[in-house]
All heavy atoms as atom14 arrays in JSON, in Angstrom:
{
  "sequence": "FDEYFGFLGGAHPYLLGAGPRPDAILRGAEP",
  "atom14_mask": [
    [1, 1, 1, 1, 1, 1, 1, 1, 1, 1, 1, 0, 0, 0],
    [1, 1, 1, 1, 1, 1, 1, 1, 0, 0, 0, 0, 0, 0],
    [1, 1, 1, 1, 1, 1, 1, 1, 1, 0, 0, 0, 0, 0],
    [1, 1, 1, 1, 1, 1, 1, 1, 1, 1, 1, 1, 0, 0],
    [1, 1, 1, 1, 1, 1, 1, 1, 1, 1, 1, 0, 0, 0],
    [1, 1, 1, 1, 0, 0, 0, 0, 0, 0, 0, 0, 0, 0],
    [1, 1, 1, 1, 1, 1, 1, 1, 1, 1, 1, 0, 0, 0],
    [1, 1, 1, 1, 1, 1, 1, 1, 0, 0, 0, 0, 0, 0],
    [1, 1, 1, 1, 0, 0, 0, 0, 0, 0, 0, 0, 0, 0],
    [1, 1, 1, 1, 0, 0, 0, 0, 0, 0, 0, 0, 0, 0],
    [1, 1, 1, 1, 1, 0, 0, 0, 0, 0, 0, 0, 0, 0],
    [1, 1, 1, 1, 1, 1, 1, 1, 1, 1, 0, 0, 0, 0],
    [1, 1, 1, 1, 1, 1, 1, 0, 0, 0, 0, 0, 0, 0],
    [1, 1, 1, 1, 1, 1, 1, 1, 1, 1, 1, 1, 0, 0],
    [1, 1, 1, 1, 1, 1, 1, 1, 0, 0, 0, 0, 0, 0],
    [1, 1, 1, 1, 1, 1, 1, 1, 0, 0, 0, 0, 0, 0],
    [1, 1, 1, 1, 0, 0, 0, 0, 0, 0, 0, 0, 0, 0],
    [1, 1, 1, 1, 1, 0, 0, 0, 0, 0, 0, 0, 0, 0],
    [1, 1, 1, 1, 0, 0, 0, 0, 0, 0, 0, 0, 0, 0],
    [1, 1, 1, 1, 1, 1, 1, 0, 0, 0, 0, 0, 0, 0],
    [1, 1, 1, 1, 1, 1, 1, 1, 1, 1, 1, 0, 0, 0],
    [1, 1, 1, 1, 1, 1, 1, 0, 0, 0, 0, 0, 0, 0],
    [1, 1, 1, 1, 1, 1, 1, 1, 0, 0, 0, 0, 0, 0],
    [1, 1, 1, 1, 1, 0, 0, 0, 0, 0, 0, 0, 0, 0],
    [1, 1, 1, 1, 1, 1, 1, 1, 0, 0, 0, 0, 0, 0],
    [1, 1, 1, 1, 1, 1, 1, 1, 0, 0, 0, 0, 0, 0],
    [1, 1, 1, 1, 1, 1, 1, 1, 1, 1, 1, 0, 0, 0],
    [1, 1, 1, 1, 0, 0, 0, 0, 0, 0, 0, 0, 0, 0],
    [1, 1, 1, 1, 1, 0, 0, 0, 0, 0, 0, 0, 0, 0],
    [1, 1, 1, 1, 1, 1, 1, 1, 1, 0, 0, 0, 0, 0],
    [1, 1, 1, 1, 1, 1, 1, 0, 0, 0, 0, 0, 0, 0]
  ],
  "atom14_positions": [
    [[142.3, 0.1, 240.84], [141.97, 1.01, 242.01], [140.74, 0.7, 242.71], [139.75, 0.34, 242.06], [141.82, 2.52, 241.43], [143.12, 3.02, 241.04], [143.5, 3.2, 239.71], [144.04, 3.58, 242.07], [144.73, 3.77, 239.35], [145.27, 4.14, 241.64], [145.62, 4.21, 240.29], [0.0, 0.0, 0.0], [0.0, 0.0, 0.0], [0.0, 0.0, 0.0]],
    [[140.74, 0.63, 244.06], [139.61, 0.47, 244.85], [138.63, 1.65, 245.02], [137.38, 1.41, 245.05], [139.94, 0.11, 246.28], [140.85, -1.11, 246.31], [140.6, -2.11, 245.71], [141.86, -1.14, 247.16], [0.0, 0.0, 0.0], [0.0, 0.0, 0.0], [0.0, 0.0, 0.0], [0.0, 0.0, 0.0], [0.0, 0.0, 0.0], [0.0, 0.0, 0.0]],
    [[139.19, 2.86, 244.89], [138.39, 4.04, 244.94], [138.88, 5.02, 243.85], [139.95, 5.12, 243.54], [138.54, 4.61, 246.42], [138.13, 3.8, 247.52], [138.24, 4.4, 248.78], [138.12, 5.73, 248.87], [138.5, 3.79, 249.86], [0.0, 0.0, 0.0], [0.0, 0.0, 0.0], [0.0, 0.0, 0.0], [0.0, 0.0, 0.0], [0.0, 0.0, 0.0]],
    [[138.01, 5.89, 243.46], [138.25, 6.95, 242.45], [137.4, 8.12, 242.62], [136.28, 7.98, 242.85], [138.14, 6.35, 240.98], [138.47, 7.47, 240.02], [139.64, 8.07, 239.88], [137.47, 7.83, 239.13], [139.92, 9.06, 238.98], [137.63, 8.87, 238.16], [138.92, 9.41, 238.09], [139.11, 10.36, 237.12], [0.0, 0.0, 0.0], [0.0, 0.0, 0.0]],
    [[138.08, 9.32, 242.57], [137.33, 10.6, 242.47], [138.2, 11.41, 241.63], [139.3, 11.67, 241.74], [137.28, 11.21, 243.88], [136.6, 12.6, 243.92], [135.22, 12.64, 244.16], [137.34, 13.75, 243.66], [134.52, 13.87, 244.11], [136.66, 14.93, 243.67], [135.27, 15.01, 243.94], [0.0, 0.0, 0.0], [0.0, 0.0, 0.0], [0.0, 0.0, 0.0]],
    [[137.55, 11.96, 240.52], [138.23, 12.78, 239.57], [137.45, 12.82, 238.19], [136.28, 12.69, 238.14], [0.0, 0.0, 0.0], [0.0, 0.0, 0.0], [0.0, 0.0, 0.0], [0.0, 0.0, 0.0], [0.0, 0.0, 0.0], [0.0, 0.0, 0.0], [0.0, 0.0, 0.0], [0.0, 0.0, 0.0], [0.0, 0.0, 0.0], [0.0, 0.0, 0.0]],
    [[138.23, 13.03, 237.25], [137.7, 13.14, 235.83], [138.54, 12.35, 234.92], [139.72, 12.12, 235.06], [137.55, 14.61, 235.38], [138.82, 15.44, 235.19], [139.43, 15.46, 234.02], [139.37, 16.06, 236.26], [140.58, 16.15, 233.85], [140.53, 16.74, 236.15], [141.21, 16.84, 234.9], [0.0, 0.0, 0.0], [0.0, 0.0, 0.0], [0.0, 0.0, 0.0]],
    [[137.92, 11.87, 233.8], [138.48, 10.94, 232.87], [139.3, 11.58, 231.74], [140.15, 10.95, 231.15], [137.48, 10.01, 232.23], [136.73, 9.16, 233.26], [135.67, 8.32, 232.45], [137.47, 8.25, 234.25], [0.0, 0.0, 0.0], [0.0, 0.0, 0.0], [0.0, 0.0, 0.0], [0.0, 0.0, 0.0], [0.0, 0.0, 0.0], [0.0, 0.0, 0.0]],
    [[139.08, 12.84, 231.4], [139.63, 13.55, 230.32], [140.97, 14.16, 230.49], [141.69, 13.8, 231.55], [0.0, 0.0, 0.0], [0.0, 0.0, 0.0], [0.0, 0.0, 0.0], [0.0, 0.0, 0.0], [0.0, 0.0, 0.0], [0.0, 0.0, 0.0], [0.0, 0.0, 0.0], [0.0, 0.0, 0.0], [0.0, 0.0, 0.0], [0.0, 0.0, 0.0]],
    [[141.35, 15.08, 229.66], [142.66, 15.69, 229.79], [142.64, 17.02, 230.42], [143.7, 17.6, 230.89], [0.0, 0.0, 0.0], [0.0, 0.0, 0.0], [0.0, 0.0, 0.0], [0.0, 0.0, 0.0], [0.0, 0.0, 0.0], [0.0, 0.0, 0.0], [0.0, 0.0, 0.0], [0.0, 0.0, 0.0], [0.0, 0.0, 0.0], [0.0, 0.0, 0.0]],
    [[141.47, 17.67, 230.53], [141.37, 18.91, 231.17], [139.99, 19.05, 231.77], [139.02, 18.49, 231.34], [141.68, 20.1, 230.09], [0.0, 0.0, 0.0], [0.0, 0.0, 0.0], [0.0, 0.0, 0.0], [0.0, 0.0, 0.0], [0.0, 0.0, 0.0], [0.0, 0.0, 0.0], [0.0, 0.0, 0.0], [0.0, 0.0, 0.0], [0.0, 0.0, 0.0]],
    [[139.85, 20.07, 232.7], [138.55, 20.32, 233.3], [138.45, 21.54, 233.94], [139.56, 22.05, 234.53], [138.28, 19.09, 234.47], [136.82, 19.08, 234.7], [136.17, 19.91, 235.64], [135.85, 18.19, 234.4], [134.96, 19.6, 235.74], [134.75, 18.44, 234.97], [0.0, 0.0, 0.0], [0.0, 0.0, 0.0], [0.0, 0.0, 0.0], [0.0, 0.0, 0.0]],
    [[137.38, 22.29, 233.95], [137.28, 23.57, 234.7], [137.51, 23.4, 236.11], [137.3, 22.39, 236.74], [135.92, 24.08, 234.37], [135.39, 23.27, 233.18], [136.2, 22.06, 233.21], [0.0, 0.0, 0.0], [0.0, 0.0, 0.0], [0.0, 0.0, 0.0], [0.0, 0.0, 0.0], [0.0, 0.0, 0.0], [0.0, 0.0, 0.0], [0.0, 0.0, 0.0]],
    [[138.13, 24.39, 236.74], [138.34, 24.35, 238.24], [137.26, 24.98, 238.93], [137.06, 24.69, 240.23], [139.67, 25.15, 238.52], [140.89, 24.7, 237.95], [141.22, 24.93, 236.6], [141.69, 23.9, 238.79], [142.44, 24.46, 236.07], [142.93, 23.41, 238.17], [143.28, 23.69, 236.85], [144.41, 23.22, 236.3], [0.0, 0.0, 0.0], [0.0, 0.0, 0.0]],
    [[136.38, 25.69, 238.37], [135.29, 26.49, 239.1], [133.94, 26.03, 238.74], [132.91, 26.63, 239.08], [135.49, 28.07, 238.68], [136.75, 28.7, 239.13], [136.93, 30.12, 238.49], [136.88, 28.71, 240.64], [0.0, 0.0, 0.0], [0.0, 0.0, 0.0], [0.0, 0.0, 0.0], [0.0, 0.0, 0.0], [0.0, 0.0, 0.0], [0.0, 0.0, 0.0]],
    [[133.71, 24.9, 237.98], [132.41, 24.45, 237.61], [132.15, 23.07, 238.24], [133.15, 22.28, 238.51], [132.24, 24.36, 236.14], [132.47, 25.65, 235.43], [132.26, 25.4, 233.95], [131.3, 26.65, 235.84], [0.0, 0.0, 0.0], [0.0, 0.0, 0.0], [0.0, 0.0, 0.0], [0.0, 0.0, 0.0], [0.0, 0.0, 0.0], [0.0, 0.0, 0.0]],
    [[130.97, 22.75, 238.47], [130.67, 21.43, 239.15], [130.46, 20.44, 238.01], [130.75, 20.67, 236.9], [0.0, 0.0, 0.0], [0.0, 0.0, 0.0], [0.0, 0.0, 0.0], [0.0, 0.0, 0.0], [0.0, 0.0, 0.0], [0.0, 0.0, 0.0], [0.0, 0.0, 0.0], [0.0, 0.0, 0.0], [0.0, 0.0, 0.0], [0.0, 0.0, 0.0]],
    [[129.87, 19.28, 238.42], [129.63, 18.13, 237.45], [128.46, 18.45, 236.49], [127.65, 19.16, 236.83], [129.5, 16.92, 238.24], [0.0, 0.0, 0.0], [0.0, 0.0, 0.0], [0.0, 0.0, 0.0], [0.0, 0.0, 0.0], [0.0, 0.0, 0.0], [0.0, 0.0, 0.0], [0.0, 0.0, 0.0], [0.0, 0.0, 0.0], [0.0, 0.0, 0.0]],
    [[128.51, 17.73, 235.44], [127.4, 17.72, 234.51], [127.31, 16.48, 233.78], [128.05, 15.57, 233.99], [0.0, 0.0, 0.0], [0.0, 0.0, 0.0], [0.0, 0.0, 0.0], [0.0, 0.0, 0.0], [0.0, 0.0, 0.0], [0.0, 0.0, 0.0], [0.0, 0.0, 0.0], [0.0, 0.0, 0.0], [0.0, 0.0, 0.0], [0.0, 0.0, 0.0]],
    [[126.56, 16.41, 232.73], [126.32, 15.14, 231.96], [127.46, 14.93, 230.94], [127.39, 13.93, 230.28], [124.95, 15.37, 231.37], [124.98, 16.84, 231.08], [125.58, 17.48, 232.3], [0.0, 0.0, 0.0], [0.0, 0.0, 0.0], [0.0, 0.0, 0.0], [0.0, 0.0, 0.0], [0.0, 0.0, 0.0], [0.0, 0.0, 0.0], [0.0, 0.0, 0.0]],
    [[128.44, 15.78, 231.01], [129.6, 15.59, 229.95], [130.32, 14.4, 230.26], [130.47, 13.88, 231.44], [130.58, 16.82, 230.04], [129.84, 18.1, 229.9], [130.87, 19.32, 229.9], [131.74, 19.15, 230.95], [131.56, 19.67, 232.28], [130.41, 20.27, 232.48], [132.4, 19.53, 233.16], [0.0, 0.0, 0.0], [0.0, 0.0, 0.0], [0.0, 0.0, 0.0]],
    [[131.11, 13.83, 229.28], [131.94, 12.65, 229.53], [133.16, 12.96, 230.42], [133.65, 12.03, 231.0], [132.46, 12.33, 228.14], [131.54, 12.95, 227.16], [130.98, 14.26, 227.8], [0.0, 0.0, 0.0], [0.0, 0.0, 0.0], [0.0, 0.0, 0.0], [0.0, 0.0, 0.0], [0.0, 0.0, 0.0], [0.0, 0.0, 0.0], [0.0, 0.0, 0.0]],
    [[133.44, 14.27, 230.59], [134.58, 14.59, 231.59], [134.01, 15.15, 232.92], [134.6, 15.96, 233.57], [135.45, 15.6, 230.91], [134.8, 16.92, 230.6], [133.58, 16.97, 230.64], [135.49, 17.99, 230.39], [0.0, 0.0, 0.0], [0.0, 0.0, 0.0], [0.0, 0.0, 0.0], [0.0, 0.0, 0.0], [0.0, 0.0, 0.0], [0.0, 0.0, 0.0]],
    [[132.85, 14.69, 233.22], [132.26, 15.13, 234.5], [133.12, 14.52, 235.72], [133.77, 13.6, 235.56], [130.78, 14.54, 234.66], [0.0, 0.0, 0.0], [0.0, 0.0, 0.0], [0.0, 0.0, 0.0], [0.0, 0.0, 0.0], [0.0, 0.0, 0.0], [0.0, 0.0, 0.0], [0.0, 0.0, 0.0], [0.0, 0.0, 0.0], [0.0, 0.0, 0.0]],
    [[133.05, 15.35, 236.86], [133.63, 14.85, 238.0], [132.96, 13.56, 238.55], [131.68, 13.6, 238.7], [133.71, 15.92, 239.11], [134.43, 17.16, 238.6], [134.27, 15.3, 240.39], [135.9, 16.93, 238.42], [0.0, 0.0, 0.0], [0.0, 0.0, 0.0], [0.0, 0.0, 0.0], [0.0, 0.0, 0.0], [0.0, 0.0, 0.0], [0.0, 0.0, 0.0]],
    [[133.62, 12.59, 238.76], [133.09, 11.29, 239.15], [133.5, 10.75, 240.57], [134.68, 11.05, 240.97], [133.5, 10.14, 238.16], [133.23, 10.33, 236.72], [133.76, 9.13, 235.89], [131.74, 10.44, 236.48], [0.0, 0.0, 0.0], [0.0, 0.0, 0.0], [0.0, 0.0, 0.0], [0.0, 0.0, 0.0], [0.0, 0.0, 0.0], [0.0, 0.0, 0.0]],
    [[132.64, 10.24, 241.32], [132.93, 9.52, 242.43], [132.7, 8.05, 242.17], [131.5, 7.73, 241.89], [132.19, 10.0, 243.69], [132.63, 9.3, 244.98], [131.83, 9.67, 246.19], [132.02, 11.17, 246.38], [133.12, 11.7, 246.97], [134.2, 11.0, 247.34], [133.15, 13.0, 247.16], [0.0, 0.0, 0.0], [0.0, 0.0, 0.0], [0.0, 0.0, 0.0]],
    [[133.76, 7.25, 242.03], [133.61, 5.99, 241.49], [133.24, 6.1, 239.96], [133.96, 6.74, 239.11], [0.0, 0.0, 0.0], [0.0, 0.0, 0.0], [0.0, 0.0, 0.0], [0.0, 0.0, 0.0], [0.0, 0.0, 0.0], [0.0, 0.0, 0.0], [0.0, 0.0, 0.0], [0.0, 0.0, 0.0], [0.0, 0.0, 0.0], [0.0, 0.0, 0.0]],
    [[132.14, 5.51, 239.54], [131.73, 5.64, 238.17], [130.6, 6.53, 238.04], [130.06, 6.77, 236.93], [131.34, 4.27, 237.72], [0.0, 0.0, 0.0], [0.0, 0.0, 0.0], [0.0, 0.0, 0.0], [0.0, 0.0, 0.0], [0.0, 0.0, 0.0], [0.0, 0.0, 0.0], [0.0, 0.0, 0.0], [0.0, 0.0, 0.0], [0.0, 0.0, 0.0]],
    [[130.09, 7.22, 239.14], [128.98, 8.06, 239.07], [129.2, 9.58, 239.12], [130.3, 9.91, 239.82], [127.99, 7.74, 240.21], [127.51, 6.33, 240.12], [126.65, 6.02, 238.81], [125.98, 6.87, 238.45], [126.86, 4.79, 238.42], [0.0, 0.0, 0.0], [0.0, 0.0, 0.0], [0.0, 0.0, 0.0], [0.0, 0.0, 0.0], [0.0, 0.0, 0.0]],
    [[128.5, 10.44, 238.4], [128.72, 11.87, 238.45], [128.6, 12.42, 239.9], [127.73, 11.94, 240.65], [127.7, 12.46, 237.59], [127.37, 11.47, 236.58], [127.5, 10.12, 237.42], [0.0, 0.0, 0.0], [0.0, 0.0, 0.0], [0.0, 0.0, 0.0], [0.0, 0.0, 0.0], [0.0, 0.0, 0.0], [0.0, 0.0, 0.0], [0.0, 0.0, 0.0]]
  ]
}
């Protein structure tokens, strides 16, 4: 993939922002 926005895990809250967790929302490789 040239571009990525999302999370790496199996589930994620719908109403919370990113954090330092491994399943943080990422743009590319950055939270």
